[in-house]
Amino acid sequence: MIILTHIVIALASLVCASYAFFRPSKKVIRASYALISATFASGTYLIVSTRTHLLESCVMGLAFIGSTLVATVVAERKLAYEKSRVK
């Protein structure tokens, strides 16, 4: 059951980060950070509880989290730039 939850959270994180990248807003960026944290937490729980191959799982998970995190940080910077241009 936790694996299904982990997959749903990860997909939601990807969708939210993509949306934040193209249409940045403070609310969407916060949601993206929360989903990234939830993905990391559920992935950590899966690694600890199932004792799977740590290297394979961690490399893929960290690559996924890294890419969604980069998209979210870029969205945050785009939002800050847009707000500074308006003033």
C-alpha atoms as a PDB file:
ATOM      1  CA  MET A   1       0.000   0.000   0.000  1.00  0.00           C
ATOM      2  CA  ILE A   2       2.823   2.425   0.804  1.00  0.00           C
ATOM      3  CA  ILE A   3       4.385   1.819  -2.608  1.00  0.00           C
ATOM      4  CA  LEU A   4       1.191   2.944  -4.318  1.00  0.00           C
ATOM      5  CA  THR A   5       1.047   6.013  -2.093  1.00  0.00           C
ATOM      6  CA  HIS A   6       4.688   6.754  -2.882  1.00  0.00           C
ATOM      7  CA  ILE A   7       4.030   6.540  -6.630  1.00  0.00           C
ATOM      8  CA  VAL A   8       0.974   8.786  -6.439  1.00  0.00           C
ATOM      9  CA  ILE A   9       2.871  11.361  -4.367  1.00  0.00           C
ATOM     10  CA  ALA A  10       5.813  11.273  -6.789  1.00  0.00           C
ATOM     11  CA  LEU A  11       3.586  11.758  -9.829  1.00  0.00           C
ATOM     12  CA  ALA A  12       1.725  14.581  -8.102  1.00  0.00           C
ATOM     13  CA  SER A  13       5.086  16.133  -7.265  1.00  0.00           C
ATOM     14  CA  LEU A  14       6.138  15.978 -10.900  1.00  0.00           C
ATOM     15  CA  VAL A  15       2.879  17.529 -12.098  1.00  0.00           C
ATOM     16  CA  CYS A  16       3.009  20.257  -9.468  1.00  0.00           C
ATOM     17  CA  ALA A  17       6.664  21.115 -10.203  1.00  0.00           C
ATOM     18  CA  SER A  18       5.911  21.267 -13.929  1.00  0.00           C
ATOM     19  CA  TYR A  19       2.915  23.515 -13.342  1.00  0.00           C
ATOM     20  CA  ALA A  20       4.979  25.742 -11.038  1.00  0.00           C
ATOM     21  CA  PHE A  21       7.690  25.988 -13.683  1.00  0.00           C
ATOM     22  CA  PHE A  22       5.305  27.285 -16.332  1.00  0.00           C
ATOM     23  CA  ARG A  23       2.852  29.232 -14.134  1.00  0.00           C
ATOM     24  CA  PRO A  24       4.667  30.117 -10.901  1.00  0.00           C
ATOM     25  CA  SER A  25       2.684  31.156  -7.868  1.00  0.00           C
ATOM     26  CA  LYS A  26       3.497  31.133  -4.190  1.00  0.00           C
ATOM     27  CA  LYS A  27       0.791  28.581  -3.396  1.00  0.00           C
ATOM     28  CA  VAL A  28       1.884  26.116  -6.103  1.00  0.00           C
ATOM     29  CA  ILE A  29       5.544  26.444  -5.140  1.00  0.00           C
ATOM     30  CA  ARG A  30       4.711  25.670  -1.504  1.00  0.00           C
ATOM     31  CA  ALA A  31       2.674  22.652  -2.598  1.00  0.00           C
ATOM     32  CA  SER A  32       5.558  21.478  -4.750  1.00  0.00           C
ATOM     33  CA  TYR A  33       7.989  21.672  -1.831  1.00  0.00           C
ATOM     34  CA  ALA A  34       5.532  19.760   0.365  1.00  0.00           C
ATOM     35  CA  LEU A  35       5.139  17.030  -2.248  1.00  0.00           C
ATOM     36  CA  ILE A  36       8.913  16.782  -2.713  1.00  0.00           C
ATOM     37  CA  SER A  37       9.279  16.338   1.050  1.00  0.00           C
ATOM     38  CA  ALA A  38       6.543  13.703   1.090  1.00  0.00           C
ATOM     39  CA  THR A  39       8.213  11.851  -1.784  1.00  0.00           C
ATOM     40  CA  PHE A  40      11.511  11.856   0.080  1.00  0.00           C
ATOM     41  CA  ALA A  41       9.877  10.709   3.324  1.00  0.00           C
ATOM     42  CA  SER A  42       7.890   7.884   1.734  1.00  0.00           C
ATOM     43  CA  GLY A  43      10.930   6.766  -0.270  1.00  0.00           C
ATOM     44  CA  THR A  44      13.035   6.708   2.870  1.00  0.00           C
ATOM     45  CA  TYR A  45      10.379   4.664   4.633  1.00  0.00           C
ATOM     46  CA  LEU A  46      10.269   2.189   1.739  1.00  0.00           C
ATOM     47  CA  ILE A  47      14.053   1.778   1.738  1.00  0.00           C
ATOM     48  CA  VAL A  48      14.170   1.199   5.500  1.00  0.00           C
ATOM     49  CA  SER A  49      11.162  -1.099   5.710  1.00  0.00           C
ATOM     50  CA  THR A  50      11.790  -3.321   2.685  1.00  0.00           C
ATOM     51  CA  ARG A  51      15.609  -3.394   2.755  1.00  0.00           C
ATOM     52  CA  THR A  52      15.870  -3.219  -1.011  1.00  0.00           C
ATOM     53  CA  HIS A  53      19.001  -2.480  -3.010  1.00  0.00           C
ATOM     54  CA  LEU A  54      19.964   0.828  -1.524  1.00  0.00           C
ATOM     55  CA  LEU A  55      22.187   2.106  -4.325  1.00  0.00           C
ATOM     56  CA  GLU A  56      19.726   1.563  -7.185  1.00  0.00           C
ATOM     57  CA  SER A  57      16.754   2.958  -5.303  1.00  0.00           C
ATOM     58  CA  CYS A  58      18.573   5.964  -3.923  1.00  0.00           C
ATOM     59  CA  VAL A  59      20.151   6.977  -7.223  1.00  0.00           C
ATOM     60  CA  MET A  60      16.814   6.923  -9.039  1.00  0.00           C
ATOM     61  CA  GLY A  61      14.981   8.605  -6.159  1.00  0.00           C
ATOM     62  CA  LEU A  62      17.545  11.333  -5.712  1.00  0.00           C
ATOM     63  CA  ALA A  63      17.635  11.995  -9.460  1.00  0.00           C
ATOM     64  CA  PHE A  64      13.846  12.340  -9.470  1.00  0.00           C
ATOM     65  CA  ILE A  65      13.804  14.571  -6.402  1.00  0.00           C
ATOM     66  CA  GLY A  66      16.672  16.622  -7.798  1.00  0.00           C
ATOM     67  CA  SER A  67      14.892  17.288 -11.069  1.00  0.00           C
ATOM     68  CA  THR A  68      11.628  18.282  -9.393  1.00  0.00           C
ATOM     69  CA  LEU A  69      13.539  20.429  -6.916  1.00  0.00           C
ATOM     70  CA  VAL A  70      15.393  22.231  -9.716  1.00  0.00           C
ATOM     71  CA  ALA A  71      12.117  22.943 -11.519  1.00  0.00           C
ATOM     72  CA  THR A  72      10.604  24.302  -8.297  1.00  0.00           C
ATOM     73  CA  VAL A  73      13.598  26.502  -7.479  1.00  0.00           C
ATOM     74  CA  VAL A  74      13.612  27.909 -11.015  1.00  0.00           C
ATOM     75  CA  ALA A  75       9.884  28.610 -10.686  1.00  0.00           C
ATOM     76  CA  GLU A  76      10.509  30.391  -7.404  1.00  0.00           C
ATOM     77  CA  ARG A  77      13.160  32.567  -9.021  1.00  0.00           C
ATOM     78  CA  LYS A  78      10.894  33.310 -11.976  1.00  0.00           C
ATOM     79  CA  LEU A  79       8.175  34.411  -9.561  1.00  0.00           C
ATOM     80  CA  ALA A  80      10.606  36.648  -7.662  1.00  0.00           C
ATOM     81  CA  TYR A  81      11.793  38.186 -10.930  1.00  0.00           C
ATOM     82  CA  GLU A  82       8.223  38.839 -12.067  1.00  0.00           C
ATOM     83  CA  LYS A  83       7.359  40.487  -8.752  1.00  0.00           C
ATOM     84  CA  SER A  84      10.456  42.698  -8.864  1.00  0.00           C
ATOM     85  CA  ARG A  85       9.635  43.821 -12.416  1.00  0.00           C
ATOM     86  CA  VAL A  86       6.099  44.840 -11.465  1.00  0.00           C
ATOM     87  CA  LYS A  87       7.226  47.313  -8.797  1.00  0.00           C
END
